């Protein structure tokens, strides 16, 4: 055994204790999971390495996508000028200002397809039915960390998108011009435009941004498609999501678990919320029913008890407004009231 593997085994032996049942639980689904997910230092094992490297390329691009989205500035001024003065000269100026933004927005859309491509590959590895979810979490920490980073990316992307109405304004104007002008639009478009500019792609991109939470829609759709491909894995994958939720809760609630970086604590809070939202979208009955494997009340209280600097109100809003089943009749009034109250 090499030194790295030896160190990893020693660390994991100290930090991991698997599956401790809650003696007061009324059913086997309600378990306490004392598993340490090393979100700061997890390294891929040999069996994880190939997929890890592929996913890491996507995650590196994800950072650039978030940075570009966070600093996105619309072409409102140019669009207004073109509407008020629809001369050929003004239209050309507007189009020149608009096209770099459109390329950026298209890049975001095509990046969502990269997310849709790697997520099923990760789920295939961490949701196989040959071992329990807790053993997957112990043995595949690097892939679990990457899956968590994708979930965090999804939350951040959709949060930034909702704060940037210029995105839809810019793309709606672009699409209207494309529909109206057709091929002639290329007379004042950039010379490097290719078939991605066609109306068919524009329609797809427009539908993407029409979603309030487009990346969440992408993630939930691809997860549901993964589950539908193999019905045997449905319960197992759902169990994996709920297990990850429980592990996050236990780590956040355990005073002895100290992170070197405050950002890691906030990262875990985001992942916790993202997992609940994803679970709620892919589980037929959602996360809010009484029979759910997720302690929603405990999660909400945990979020509300966080120090002010963690700004968990945004995460609570994500639970309030991006889940699928909160307003179902089956949702407990107590749970809904707890979540909705300020």
C-alpha atoms as a PDB file:
ATOM      1  CA  UNK A   1       0.000   0.000   0.000  1.00  0.00           C
ATOM      2  CA  UNK A   2       1.461   3.379  -0.942  1.00  0.00           C
ATOM      3  CA  UNK A   3       1.808   6.253   1.501  1.00  0.00           C
ATOM      4  CA  UNK A   4      -1.183   8.197   0.100  1.00  0.00           C
ATOM      5  CA  UNK A   5      -3.479   5.194   0.416  1.00  0.00           C
ATOM      6  CA  UNK A   6      -2.154   4.471   3.911  1.00  0.00           C
ATOM      7  CA  UNK A   7      -2.779   8.053   5.032  1.00  0.00           C
ATOM      8  CA  UNK A   8      -6.218   8.042   3.489  1.00  0.00           C
ATOM      9  CA  UNK A   9      -7.105   4.788   5.244  1.00  0.00           C
ATOM     10  CA  UNK A  10      -5.835   6.117   8.568  1.00  0.00           C
ATOM     11  CA  UNK A  11      -7.760   9.370   8.233  1.00  0.00           C
ATOM     12  CA  UNK A  12     -10.929   7.660   7.138  1.00  0.00           C
ATOM     13  CA  UNK A  13     -10.591   5.145   9.955  1.00  0.00           C
ATOM     14  CA  UNK A  14     -10.522   8.002  12.433  1.00  0.00           C
ATOM     15  CA  UNK A  15     -13.289  10.040  10.870  1.00  0.00           C
ATOM     16  CA  UNK A  16     -15.759   7.452   9.666  1.00  0.00           C
ATOM     17  CA  UNK A  17     -18.157   5.448  11.777  1.00  0.00           C
ATOM     18  CA  UNK A  18     -20.839   3.810   9.734  1.00  0.00           C
ATOM     19  CA  UNK A  19     -24.539   3.639  10.285  1.00  0.00           C
ATOM     20  CA  UNK A  20     -25.729   4.058  13.830  1.00  0.00           C
ATOM     21  CA  UNK A  21     -29.415   3.274  14.180  1.00  0.00           C
ATOM     22  CA  UNK A  22     -31.579   5.637  16.175  1.00  0.00           C
ATOM     23  CA  UNK A  23     -33.019   3.433  18.913  1.00  0.00           C
ATOM     24  CA  UNK A  24     -36.108   5.618  19.171  1.00  0.00           C
ATOM     25  CA  UNK A  25     -36.888   5.359  15.474  1.00  0.00           C
ATOM     26  CA  UNK A  26     -40.218   3.857  14.510  1.00  0.00           C
ATOM     27  CA  UNK A  27     -38.969   2.556  11.193  1.00  0.00           C
ATOM     28  CA  UNK A  28     -35.711   1.520   9.583  1.00  0.00           C
ATOM     29  CA  UNK A  29     -35.847   4.484   7.194  1.00  0.00           C
ATOM     30  CA  UNK A  30     -35.204   6.845  10.088  1.00  0.00           C
ATOM     31  CA  UNK A  31     -31.540   6.292  10.799  1.00  0.00           C
ATOM     32  CA  UNK A  32     -28.717   8.403  12.042  1.00  0.00           C
ATOM     33  CA  UNK A  33     -25.654   8.400   9.856  1.00  0.00           C
ATOM     34  CA  UNK A  34     -22.331   9.164  11.499  1.00  0.00           C
ATOM     35  CA  UNK A  35     -20.333   9.517   8.318  1.00  0.00           C
ATOM     36  CA  UNK A  36     -17.743  12.191   7.762  1.00  0.00           C
ATOM     37  CA  UNK A  37     -17.753  13.515   4.204  1.00  0.00           C
ATOM     38  CA  UNK A  38     -14.372  15.131   3.692  1.00  0.00           C
ATOM     39  CA  UNK A  39     -15.500  17.999   1.482  1.00  0.00           C
ATOM     40  CA  UNK A  40     -12.186  19.788   1.973  1.00  0.00           C
ATOM     41  CA  UNK A  41      -9.665  17.042   1.258  1.00  0.00           C
ATOM     42  CA  UNK A  42     -11.383  14.130  -0.501  1.00  0.00           C
ATOM     43  CA  UNK A  43      -9.116  12.586  -3.137  1.00  0.00           C
ATOM     44  CA  UNK A  44     -10.199  10.111  -5.822  1.00  0.00           C
ATOM     45  CA  UNK A  45      -9.379   6.458  -5.422  1.00  0.00           C
ATOM     46  CA  UNK A  46      -7.924   4.576  -8.361  1.00  0.00           C
ATOM     47  CA  UNK A  47     -11.374   3.311  -9.349  1.00  0.00           C
ATOM     48  CA  UNK A  48     -12.798   6.849  -9.276  1.00  0.00           C
ATOM     49  CA  UNK A  49      -9.955   8.544 -11.106  1.00  0.00           C
ATOM     50  CA  UNK A  50     -11.110   8.354 -14.729  1.00  0.00           C
ATOM     51  CA  UNK A  51     -14.608   9.692 -14.100  1.00  0.00           C
ATOM     52  CA  UNK A  52     -13.294  12.152 -11.526  1.00  0.00           C
ATOM     53  CA  UNK A  53     -10.968  13.713 -14.099  1.00  0.00           C
ATOM     54  CA  UNK A  54     -13.784  14.003 -16.655  1.00  0.00           C
ATOM     55  CA  UNK A  55     -16.137  15.626 -14.165  1.00  0.00           C
ATOM     56  CA  UNK A  56     -13.425  17.955 -12.900  1.00  0.00           C
ATOM     57  CA  UNK A  57     -13.112  19.475 -16.372  1.00  0.00           C
ATOM     58  CA  UNK A  58     -16.821  20.301 -16.248  1.00  0.00           C
ATOM     59  CA  UNK A  59     -16.564  21.710 -12.727  1.00  0.00           C
ATOM     60  CA  UNK A  60     -13.658  23.933 -13.741  1.00  0.00           C
ATOM     61  CA  UNK A  61     -15.795  25.379 -16.507  1.00  0.00           C
ATOM     62  CA  UNK A  62     -18.658  25.723 -14.015  1.00  0.00           C
ATOM     63  CA  UNK A  63     -16.600  28.253 -12.052  1.00  0.00           C
ATOM     64  CA  UNK A  64     -16.127  30.337 -15.191  1.00  0.00           C
ATOM     65  CA  UNK A  65     -19.833  30.091 -16.005  1.00  0.00           C
ATOM     66  CA  UNK A  66     -20.796  31.354 -12.552  1.00  0.00           C
ATOM     67  CA  UNK A  67     -18.306  34.209 -12.743  1.00  0.00           C
ATOM     68  CA  UNK A  68     -19.578  35.296 -16.158  1.00  0.00           C
ATOM     69  CA  UNK A  69     -23.201  34.994 -15.077  1.00  0.00           C
ATOM     70  CA  UNK A  70     -22.628  36.926 -11.860  1.00  0.00           C
ATOM     71  CA  UNK A  71     -21.134  39.820 -13.831  1.00  0.00           C
ATOM     72  CA  UNK A  72     -23.548  39.669 -16.751  1.00  0.00           C
ATOM     73  CA  UNK A  73     -24.676  43.116 -17.883  1.00  0.00           C
ATOM     74  CA  UNK A  74     -27.559  43.448 -20.280  1.00  0.00           C
ATOM     75  CA  UNK A  75     -27.848  45.340 -23.543  1.00  0.00           C
ATOM     76  CA  UNK A  76     -30.963  47.212 -22.388  1.00  0.00           C
ATOM     77  CA  UNK A  77     -29.689  50.606 -23.493  1.00  0.00           C
ATOM     78  CA  UNK A  78     -28.925  49.391 -27.012  1.00  0.00           C
ATOM     79  CA  UNK A  79     -32.211  47.514 -27.300  1.00  0.00           C
ATOM     80  CA  UNK A  80     -34.218  50.570 -26.250  1.00  0.00           C
ATOM     81  CA  UNK A  81     -32.333  52.674 -28.764  1.00  0.00           C
ATOM     82  CA  UNK A  82     -33.090  50.198 -31.555  1.00  0.00           C
ATOM     83  CA  UNK A  83     -36.778  50.105 -30.640  1.00  0.00           C
ATOM     84  CA  UNK A  84     -37.032  53.895 -30.511  1.00  0.00           C
ATOM     85  CA  UNK A  85     -34.923  54.444 -33.617  1.00  0.00           C
ATOM     86  CA  UNK A  86     -35.111  51.338 -35.840  1.00  0.00           C
ATOM     87  CA  UNK A  87     -32.645  52.596 -38.420  1.00  0.00           C
ATOM     88  CA  UNK A  88     -30.219  50.245 -40.142  1.00  0.00           C
ATOM     89  CA  UNK A  89     -27.310  51.974 -38.439  1.00  0.00           C
ATOM     90  CA  UNK A  90     -28.813  51.704 -34.949  1.00  0.00           C
ATOM     91  CA  UNK A  91     -29.858  48.095 -35.529  1.00  0.00           C
ATOM     92  CA  UNK A  92     -26.313  47.258 -36.538  1.00  0.00           C
ATOM     93  CA  UNK A  93     -24.922  48.944 -33.417  1.00  0.00           C
ATOM     94  CA  UNK A  94     -27.418  47.101 -31.224  1.00  0.00           C
ATOM     95  CA  UNK A  95     -26.641  43.784 -32.860  1.00  0.00           C
ATOM     96  CA  UNK A  96     -22.917  44.347 -32.428  1.00  0.00           C
ATOM     97  CA  UNK A  97     -23.438  44.986 -28.713  1.00  0.00           C
ATOM     98  CA  UNK A  98     -25.884  42.112 -28.341  1.00  0.00           C
ATOM     99  CA  UNK A  99     -24.031  39.261 -30.049  1.00  0.00           C
ATOM    100  CA  UNK A 100     -21.243  38.815 -27.440  1.00  0.00           C
ATOM    101  CA  UNK A 101     -23.960  38.528 -24.806  1.00  0.00           C
ATOM    102  CA  UNK A 102     -25.926  36.031 -26.905  1.00  0.00           C
ATOM    103  CA  UNK A 103     -22.829  33.897 -27.335  1.00  0.00           C
ATOM    104  CA  UNK A 104     -22.405  33.941 -23.563  1.00  0.00           C
ATOM    105  CA  UNK A 105     -26.023  32.938 -22.987  1.00  0.00           C
ATOM    106  CA  UNK A 106     -25.772  30.165 -25.534  1.00  0.00           C
ATOM    107  CA  UNK A 107     -22.614  28.947 -23.826  1.00  0.00           C
ATOM    108  CA  UNK A 108     -24.512  28.705 -20.539  1.00  0.00           C
ATOM    109  CA  UNK A 109     -27.224  26.670 -22.249  1.00  0.00           C
ATOM    110  CA  UNK A 110     -24.741  24.286 -23.861  1.00  0.00           C
ATOM    111  CA  UNK A 111     -22.955  23.972 -20.533  1.00  0.00           C
ATOM    112  CA  UNK A 112     -26.208  22.741 -18.997  1.00  0.00           C
ATOM    113  CA  UNK A 113     -25.984  19.867 -21.474  1.00  0.00           C
ATOM    114  CA  UNK A 114     -22.526  19.025 -20.132  1.00  0.00           C
ATOM    115  CA  UNK A 115     -24.043  18.856 -16.661  1.00  0.00           C
ATOM    116  CA  UNK A 116     -26.773  16.619 -18.048  1.00  0.00           C
ATOM    117  CA  UNK A 117     -24.097  14.359 -19.521  1.00  0.00           C
ATOM    118  CA  UNK A 118     -21.931  13.847 -16.421  1.00  0.00           C
ATOM    119  CA  UNK A 119     -24.651  13.567 -13.761  1.00  0.00           C
ATOM    120  CA  UNK A 120     -25.934  10.140 -14.915  1.00  0.00           C
ATOM    121  CA  UNK A 121     -22.344   8.882 -14.971  1.00  0.00           C
ATOM    122  CA  UNK A 122     -21.854   9.949 -11.357  1.00  0.00           C
ATOM    123  CA  UNK A 123     -25.206   8.493 -10.310  1.00  0.00           C
ATOM    124  CA  UNK A 124     -24.336   5.198 -11.985  1.00  0.00           C
ATOM    125  CA  UNK A 125     -21.275   4.962  -9.746  1.00  0.00           C
ATOM    126  CA  UNK A 126     -22.676   6.186  -6.427  1.00  0.00           C
ATOM    127  CA  UNK A 127     -26.150   4.654  -6.723  1.00  0.00           C
ATOM    128  CA  UNK A 128     -25.324   1.099  -7.749  1.00  0.00           C
ATOM    129  CA  UNK A 129     -27.169  -1.538  -5.752  1.00  0.00           C
ATOM    130  CA  UNK A 130     -24.146  -3.719  -4.980  1.00  0.00           C
ATOM    131  CA  UNK A 131     -23.398  -1.909  -1.710  1.00  0.00           C
ATOM    132  CA  UNK A 132     -25.347   0.316   0.673  1.00  0.00           C
ATOM    133  CA  UNK A 133     -25.534   4.104   0.319  1.00  0.00           C
ATOM    134  CA  UNK A 134     -23.426   4.508   3.450  1.00  0.00           C
ATOM    135  CA  UNK A 135     -20.650   2.399   1.945  1.00  0.00           C
ATOM    136  CA  UNK A 136     -20.851   4.380  -1.283  1.00  0.00           C
ATOM    137  CA  UNK A 137     -20.383   7.550   0.751  1.00  0.00           C
ATOM    138  CA  UNK A 138     -17.410   6.049   2.553  1.00  0.00           C
ATOM    139  CA  UNK A 139     -15.702   4.560  -0.483  1.00  0.00           C
ATOM    140  CA  UNK A 140     -16.455   7.184  -3.158  1.00  0.00           C
ATOM    141  CA  UNK A 141     -15.996  10.446  -1.344  1.00  0.00           C
ATOM    142  CA  UNK A 142     -14.387  12.226  -4.289  1.00  0.00           C
ATOM    143  CA  UNK A 143     -17.322  11.512  -6.612  1.00  0.00           C
ATOM    144  CA  UNK A 144     -19.811  12.373  -3.876  1.00  0.00           C
ATOM    145  CA  UNK A 145     -17.972  15.667  -3.393  1.00  0.00           C
ATOM    146  CA  UNK A 146     -18.187  16.372  -7.129  1.00  0.00           C
ATOM    147  CA  UNK A 147     -21.902  15.561  -7.165  1.00  0.00           C
ATOM    148  CA  UNK A 148     -22.303  17.972  -4.258  1.00  0.00           C
ATOM    149  CA  UNK A 149     -20.360  20.639  -6.148  1.00  0.00           C
ATOM    150  CA  UNK A 150     -22.701  20.213  -9.107  1.00  0.00           C
ATOM    151  CA  UNK A 151     -25.669  20.687  -6.790  1.00  0.00           C
ATOM    152  CA  UNK A 152     -24.104  23.843  -5.371  1.00  0.00           C
ATOM    153  CA  UNK A 153     -23.443  25.098  -8.893  1.00  0.00           C
ATOM    154  CA  UNK A 154     -27.093  24.521  -9.816  1.00  0.00           C
ATOM    155  CA  UNK A 155     -28.313  26.549  -6.830  1.00  0.00           C
ATOM    156  CA  UNK A 156     -25.897  29.404  -7.503  1.00  0.00           C
ATOM    157  CA  UNK A 157     -26.598  29.524 -11.239  1.00  0.00           C
ATOM    158  CA  UNK A 158     -30.345  29.730 -10.726  1.00  0.00           C
ATOM    159  CA  UNK A 159     -29.974  32.317  -7.969  1.00  0.00           C
ATOM    160  CA  UNK A 160     -27.829  34.552 -10.197  1.00  0.00           C
ATOM    161  CA  UNK A 161     -30.155  34.028 -13.154  1.00  0.00           C
ATOM    162  CA  UNK A 162     -33.220  35.063 -11.142  1.00  0.00           C
ATOM    163  CA  UNK A 163     -31.400  38.244 -10.116  1.00  0.00           C
ATOM    164  CA  UNK A 164     -30.578  39.097 -13.741  1.00  0.00           C
ATOM    165  CA  UNK A 165     -33.733  39.885 -15.749  1.00  0.00           C
ATOM    166  CA  UNK A 166     -31.547  41.289 -18.536  1.00  0.00           C
ATOM    167  CA  UNK A 167     -30.831  37.706 -19.589  1.00  0.00           C
ATOM    168  CA  UNK A 168     -34.359  37.063 -20.776  1.00  0.00           C
ATOM    169  CA  UNK A 169     -34.724  40.593 -22.145  1.00  0.00           C
ATOM    170  CA  UNK A 170     -31.582  40.234 -24.264  1.00  0.00           C
ATOM    171  CA  UNK A 171     -32.412  36.802 -25.572  1.00  0.00           C
ATOM    172  CA  UNK A 172     -36.050  37.636 -26.263  1.00  0.00           C
ATOM    173  CA  UNK A 173     -34.994  40.608 -28.389  1.00  0.00           C
ATOM    174  CA  UNK A 174     -32.418  38.483 -30.219  1.00  0.00           C
ATOM    175  CA  UNK A 175     -34.996  35.794 -30.942  1.00  0.00           C
ATOM    176  CA  UNK A 176     -37.572  38.313 -32.161  1.00  0.00           C
ATOM    177  CA  UNK A 177     -35.065  39.804 -34.595  1.00  0.00           C
ATOM    178  CA  UNK A 178     -34.050  36.340 -35.749  1.00  0.00           C
ATOM    179  CA  UNK A 179     -37.674  35.417 -36.408  1.00  0.00           C
ATOM    180  CA  UNK A 180     -38.377  38.695 -38.177  1.00  0.00           C
ATOM    181  CA  UNK A 181     -35.230  39.038 -40.259  1.00  0.00           C
ATOM    182  CA  UNK A 182     -34.333  35.403 -40.881  1.00  0.00           C
ATOM    183  CA  UNK A 183     -31.226  34.930 -43.014  1.00  0.00           C
ATOM    184  CA  UNK A 184     -30.859  38.658 -43.608  1.00  0.00           C
ATOM    185  CA  UNK A 185     -29.892  39.124 -39.987  1.00  0.00           C
ATOM    186  CA  UNK A 186     -26.448  37.777 -40.922  1.00  0.00           C
ATOM    187  CA  UNK A 187     -25.796  40.888 -42.976  1.00  0.00           C
ATOM    188  CA  UNK A 188     -24.921  42.673 -39.750  1.00  0.00           C
ATOM    189  CA  UNK A 189     -24.080  39.701 -37.534  1.00  0.00           C
ATOM    190  CA  UNK A 190     -20.593  38.631 -36.574  1.00  0.00           C
ATOM    191  CA  UNK A 191     -18.835  36.758 -39.338  1.00  0.00           C
ATOM    192  CA  UNK A 192     -18.020  33.814 -37.070  1.00  0.00           C
ATOM    193  CA  UNK A 193     -21.651  32.918 -36.432  1.00  0.00           C
ATOM    194  CA  UNK A 194     -22.508  29.316 -37.259  1.00  0.00           C
ATOM    195  CA  UNK A 195     -25.571  27.074 -37.226  1.00  0.00           C
ATOM    196  CA  UNK A 196     -26.004  27.687 -33.507  1.00  0.00           C
ATOM    197  CA  UNK A 197     -27.612  30.966 -34.535  1.00  0.00           C
ATOM    198  CA  UNK A 198     -30.514  29.251 -36.235  1.00  0.00           C
ATOM    199  CA  UNK A 199     -34.003  29.668 -34.941  1.00  0.00           C
ATOM    200  CA  UNK A 200     -34.301  26.085 -33.772  1.00  0.00           C
ATOM    201  CA  UNK A 201     -31.425  26.480 -31.333  1.00  0.00           C
ATOM    202  CA  UNK A 202     -32.666  29.938 -30.345  1.00  0.00           C
ATOM    203  CA  UNK A 203     -36.026  28.416 -29.446  1.00  0.00           C
ATOM    204  CA  UNK A 204     -34.363  25.785 -27.256  1.00  0.00           C
ATOM    205  CA  UNK A 205     -32.234  28.368 -25.503  1.00  0.00           C
ATOM    206  CA  UNK A 206     -35.275  30.590 -25.037  1.00  0.00           C
ATOM    207  CA  UNK A 207     -37.175  27.730 -23.377  1.00  0.00           C
ATOM    208  CA  UNK A 208     -34.186  27.121 -21.114  1.00  0.00           C
ATOM    209  CA  UNK A 209     -34.182  30.699 -19.838  1.00  0.00           C
ATOM    210  CA  UNK A 210     -37.966  30.793 -19.600  1.00  0.00           C
ATOM    211  CA  UNK A 211     -37.636  28.418 -16.640  1.00  0.00           C
ATOM    212  CA  UNK A 212     -37.418  30.173 -13.294  1.00  0.00           C
ATOM    213  CA  UNK A 213     -34.671  27.713 -12.308  1.00  0.00           C
ATOM    214  CA  UNK A 214     -33.232  26.334 -15.559  1.00  0.00           C
ATOM    215  CA  UNK A 215     -30.289  24.434 -14.095  1.00  0.00           C
ATOM    216  CA  UNK A 216     -32.492  22.808 -11.458  1.00  0.00           C
ATOM    217  CA  UNK A 217     -34.861  21.759 -14.221  1.00  0.00           C
ATOM    218  CA  UNK A 218     -31.904  20.278 -16.104  1.00  0.00           C
ATOM    219  CA  UNK A 219     -30.650  18.424 -13.026  1.00  0.00           C
ATOM    220  CA  UNK A 220     -34.057  17.087 -11.987  1.00  0.00           C
ATOM    221  CA  UNK A 221     -34.918  16.040 -15.549  1.00  0.00           C
ATOM    222  CA  UNK A 222     -31.689  14.154 -16.092  1.00  0.00           C
ATOM    223  CA  UNK A 223     -31.975  12.507 -12.665  1.00  0.00           C
ATOM    224  CA  UNK A 224     -35.542  11.418 -13.391  1.00  0.00           C
ATOM    225  CA  UNK A 225     -34.458  10.081 -16.786  1.00  0.00           C
ATOM    226  CA  UNK A 226     -31.673   8.143 -15.099  1.00  0.00           C
ATOM    227  CA  UNK A 227     -34.156   6.585 -12.684  1.00  0.00           C
ATOM    228  CA  UNK A 228     -36.618   5.765 -15.435  1.00  0.00           C
ATOM    229  CA  UNK A 229     -33.957   3.862 -17.372  1.00  0.00           C
ATOM    230  CA  UNK A 230     -33.622   1.299 -14.589  1.00  0.00           C
ATOM    231  CA  UNK A 231     -36.591   0.985 -12.260  1.00  0.00           C
ATOM    232  CA  UNK A 232     -34.555  -1.234  -9.927  1.00  0.00           C
ATOM    233  CA  UNK A 233     -32.445   1.756  -8.958  1.00  0.00           C
ATOM    234  CA  UNK A 234     -35.296   4.144  -8.141  1.00  0.00           C
ATOM    235  CA  UNK A 235     -35.586   3.280  -4.451  1.00  0.00           C
ATOM    236  CA  UNK A 236     -31.830   2.955  -4.132  1.00  0.00           C
ATOM    237  CA  UNK A 237     -31.083   6.338  -5.688  1.00  0.00           C
ATOM    238  CA  UNK A 238     -33.795   8.012  -3.622  1.00  0.00           C
ATOM    239  CA  UNK A 239     -32.274   6.390  -0.553  1.00  0.00           C
ATOM    240  CA  UNK A 240     -28.867   7.755  -1.538  1.00  0.00           C
ATOM    241  CA  UNK A 241     -30.227  11.317  -1.735  1.00  0.00           C
ATOM    242  CA  UNK A 242     -31.938  11.034   1.651  1.00  0.00           C
ATOM    243  CA  UNK A 243     -28.820   9.465   3.160  1.00  0.00           C
ATOM    244  CA  UNK A 244     -26.714  12.370   1.930  1.00  0.00           C
ATOM    245  CA  UNK A 245     -29.220  14.765   3.501  1.00  0.00           C
ATOM    246  CA  UNK A 246     -28.950  12.954   6.838  1.00  0.00           C
ATOM    247  CA  UNK A 247     -25.167  12.957   6.694  1.00  0.00           C
ATOM    248  CA  UNK A 248     -25.097  16.700   5.994  1.00  0.00           C
ATOM    249  CA  UNK A 249     -27.446  17.344   8.911  1.00  0.00           C
ATOM    250  CA  UNK A 250     -25.402  15.251  11.322  1.00  0.00           C
ATOM    251  CA  UNK A 251     -22.157  16.915  10.295  1.00  0.00           C
ATOM    252  CA  UNK A 252     -23.660  20.394  10.586  1.00  0.00           C
ATOM    253  CA  UNK A 253     -25.187  19.577  13.974  1.00  0.00           C
ATOM    254  CA  UNK A 254     -22.124  17.852  15.440  1.00  0.00           C
ATOM    255  CA  UNK A 255     -19.965  20.264  17.466  1.00  0.00           C
ATOM    256  CA  UNK A 256     -16.885  18.046  17.086  1.00  0.00           C
ATOM    257  CA  UNK A 257     -16.944  18.402  13.299  1.00  0.00           C
ATOM    258  CA  UNK A 258     -14.893  21.489  12.634  1.00  0.00           C
ATOM    259  CA  UNK A 259     -14.072  22.706   9.146  1.00  0.00           C
ATOM    260  CA  UNK A 260     -10.878  24.549   8.439  1.00  0.00           C
ATOM    261  CA  UNK A 261     -12.741  26.896   6.128  1.00  0.00           C
ATOM    262  CA  UNK A 262     -15.976  28.699   6.930  1.00  0.00           C
ATOM    263  CA  UNK A 263     -16.854  28.355   3.245  1.00  0.00           C
ATOM    264  CA  UNK A 264     -17.057  24.576   3.736  1.00  0.00           C
ATOM    265  CA  UNK A 265     -19.824  25.044   6.295  1.00  0.00           C
ATOM    266  CA  UNK A 266     -21.761  27.266   3.906  1.00  0.00           C
ATOM    267  CA  UNK A 267     -21.088  24.788   1.095  1.00  0.00           C
ATOM    268  CA  UNK A 268     -22.679  22.020   3.166  1.00  0.00           C
ATOM    269  CA  UNK A 269     -25.730  24.172   3.868  1.00  0.00           C
ATOM    270  CA  UNK A 270     -26.171  24.780   0.142  1.00  0.00           C
ATOM    271  CA  UNK A 271     -25.718  21.102  -0.654  1.00  0.00           C
ATOM    272  CA  UNK A 272     -28.232  20.166   2.033  1.00  0.00           C
ATOM    273  CA  UNK A 273     -30.854  22.450   0.508  1.00  0.00           C
ATOM    274  CA  UNK A 274     -30.025  21.361  -3.030  1.00  0.00           C
ATOM    275  CA  UNK A 275     -30.389  17.698  -2.100  1.00  0.00           C
ATOM    276  CA  UNK A 276     -33.792  18.335  -0.522  1.00  0.00           C
ATOM    277  CA  UNK A 277     -34.982  20.215  -3.601  1.00  0.00           C
ATOM    278  CA  UNK A 278     -33.713  17.491  -5.943  1.00  0.00           C
ATOM    279  CA  UNK A 279     -35.302  14.785  -3.781  1.00  0.00           C
ATOM    280  CA  UNK A 280     -38.582  16.690  -3.832  1.00  0.00           C
ATOM    281  CA  UNK A 281     -38.506  16.902  -7.629  1.00  0.00           C
ATOM    282  CA  UNK A 282     -37.665  13.259  -8.349  1.00  0.00           C
ATOM    283  CA  UNK A 283     -39.561  11.444  -5.583  1.00  0.00           C
ATOM    284  CA  UNK A 284     -43.181  10.745  -6.620  1.00  0.00           C
ATOM    285  CA  UNK A 285     -44.509  12.028  -3.290  1.00  0.00           C
ATOM    286  CA  UNK A 286     -41.875  14.652  -2.655  1.00  0.00           C
ATOM    287  CA  UNK A 287     -39.942  15.569   0.473  1.00  0.00           C
ATOM    288  CA  UNK A 288     -42.762  17.106   2.514  1.00  0.00           C
ATOM    289  CA  UNK A 289     -45.068  14.139   3.138  1.00  0.00           C
ATOM    290  CA  UNK A 290     -45.103  12.618   6.612  1.00  0.00           C
ATOM    291  CA  UNK A 291     -43.623   9.381   5.266  1.00  0.00           C
ATOM    292  CA  UNK A 292     -40.627  11.185   3.772  1.00  0.00           C
ATOM    293  CA  UNK A 293     -37.182   9.963   4.784  1.00  0.00           C
ATOM    294  CA  UNK A 294     -36.125  13.583   5.220  1.00  0.00           C
ATOM    295  CA  UNK A 295     -36.668  15.507   8.446  1.00  0.00           C
ATOM    296  CA  UNK A 296     -37.876  18.724   6.840  1.00  0.00           C
ATOM    297  CA  UNK A 297     -38.684  20.430  10.136  1.00  0.00           C
ATOM    298  CA  UNK A 298     -35.220  19.645  11.429  1.00  0.00           C
ATOM    299  CA  UNK A 299     -33.633  20.986   8.240  1.00  0.00           C
ATOM    300  CA  UNK A 300     -35.611  24.222   8.375  1.00  0.00           C
ATOM    301  CA  UNK A 301     -34.762  24.766  12.038  1.00  0.00           C
ATOM    302  CA  UNK A 302     -31.110  24.068  11.294  1.00  0.00           C
ATOM    303  CA  UNK A 303     -31.102  26.708   8.558  1.00  0.00           C
ATOM    304  CA  UNK A 304     -32.867  29.250  10.747  1.00  0.00           C
ATOM    305  CA  UNK A 305     -30.430  28.665  13.604  1.00  0.00           C
ATOM    306  CA  UNK A 306     -27.359  29.495  11.529  1.00  0.00           C
ATOM    307  CA  UNK A 307     -25.346  32.644  12.298  1.00  0.00           C
ATOM    308  CA  UNK A 308     -26.410  35.718  10.375  1.00  0.00           C
ATOM    309  CA  UNK A 309     -23.226  35.794   8.304  1.00  0.00           C
ATOM    310  CA  UNK A 310     -24.284  32.610   6.499  1.00  0.00           C
ATOM    311  CA  UNK A 311     -27.289  34.440   5.010  1.00  0.00           C
ATOM    312  CA  UNK A 312     -29.464  31.334   4.957  1.00  0.00           C
ATOM    313  CA  UNK A 313     -32.577  33.307   4.020  1.00  0.00           C
ATOM    314  CA  UNK A 314     -31.663  32.725   0.364  1.00  0.00           C
ATOM    315  CA  UNK A 315     -31.543  28.990   1.034  1.00  0.00           C
ATOM    316  CA  UNK A 316     -34.884  29.092   2.830  1.00  0.00           C
ATOM    317  CA  UNK A 317     -36.316  30.955  -0.158  1.00  0.00           C
ATOM    318  CA  UNK A 318     -35.015  28.193  -2.401  1.00  0.00           C
ATOM    319  CA  UNK A 319     -36.990  25.674  -0.344  1.00  0.00           C
ATOM    320  CA  UNK A 320     -40.037  27.926  -0.376  1.00  0.00           C
ATOM    321  CA  UNK A 321     -40.140  28.690  -4.071  1.00  0.00           C
ATOM    322  CA  UNK A 322     -38.241  26.038  -6.047  1.00  0.00           C
ATOM    323  CA  UNK A 323     -39.523  22.806  -4.535  1.00  0.00           C
ATOM    324  CA  UNK A 324     -42.255  20.859  -6.316  1.00  0.00           C
ATOM    325  CA  UNK A 325     -44.512  19.565  -3.530  1.00  0.00           C
ATOM    326  CA  UNK A 326     -44.552  22.199  -0.778  1.00  0.00           C
ATOM    327  CA  UNK A 327     -48.078  23.309  -1.661  1.00  0.00           C
ATOM    328  CA  UNK A 328     -49.477  19.794  -2.019  1.00  0.00           C
ATOM    329  CA  UNK A 329     -52.453  18.955   0.230  1.00  0.00           C
ATOM    330  CA  UNK A 330     -50.335  16.212   1.796  1.00  0.00           C
ATOM    331  CA  UNK A 331     -47.842  18.744   3.181  1.00  0.00           C
ATOM    332  CA  UNK A 332     -48.201  19.231   6.915  1.00  0.00           C
ATOM    333  CA  UNK A 333     -49.517  22.667   7.852  1.00  0.00           C
ATOM    334  CA  UNK A 334     -46.945  22.749  10.633  1.00  0.00           C
ATOM    335  CA  UNK A 335     -44.091  22.176   8.191  1.00  0.00           C
ATOM    336  CA  UNK A 336     -45.400  24.725   5.733  1.00  0.00           C
ATOM    337  CA  UNK A 337     -45.971  27.321   8.446  1.00  0.00           C
ATOM    338  CA  UNK A 338     -42.480  26.784   9.862  1.00  0.00           C
ATOM    339  CA  UNK A 339     -40.896  27.194   6.452  1.00  0.00           C
ATOM    340  CA  UNK A 340     -42.929  30.193   5.349  1.00  0.00           C
ATOM    341  CA  UNK A 341     -42.599  32.248   8.513  1.00  0.00           C
ATOM    342  CA  UNK A 342     -39.800  34.794   8.519  1.00  0.00           C
END
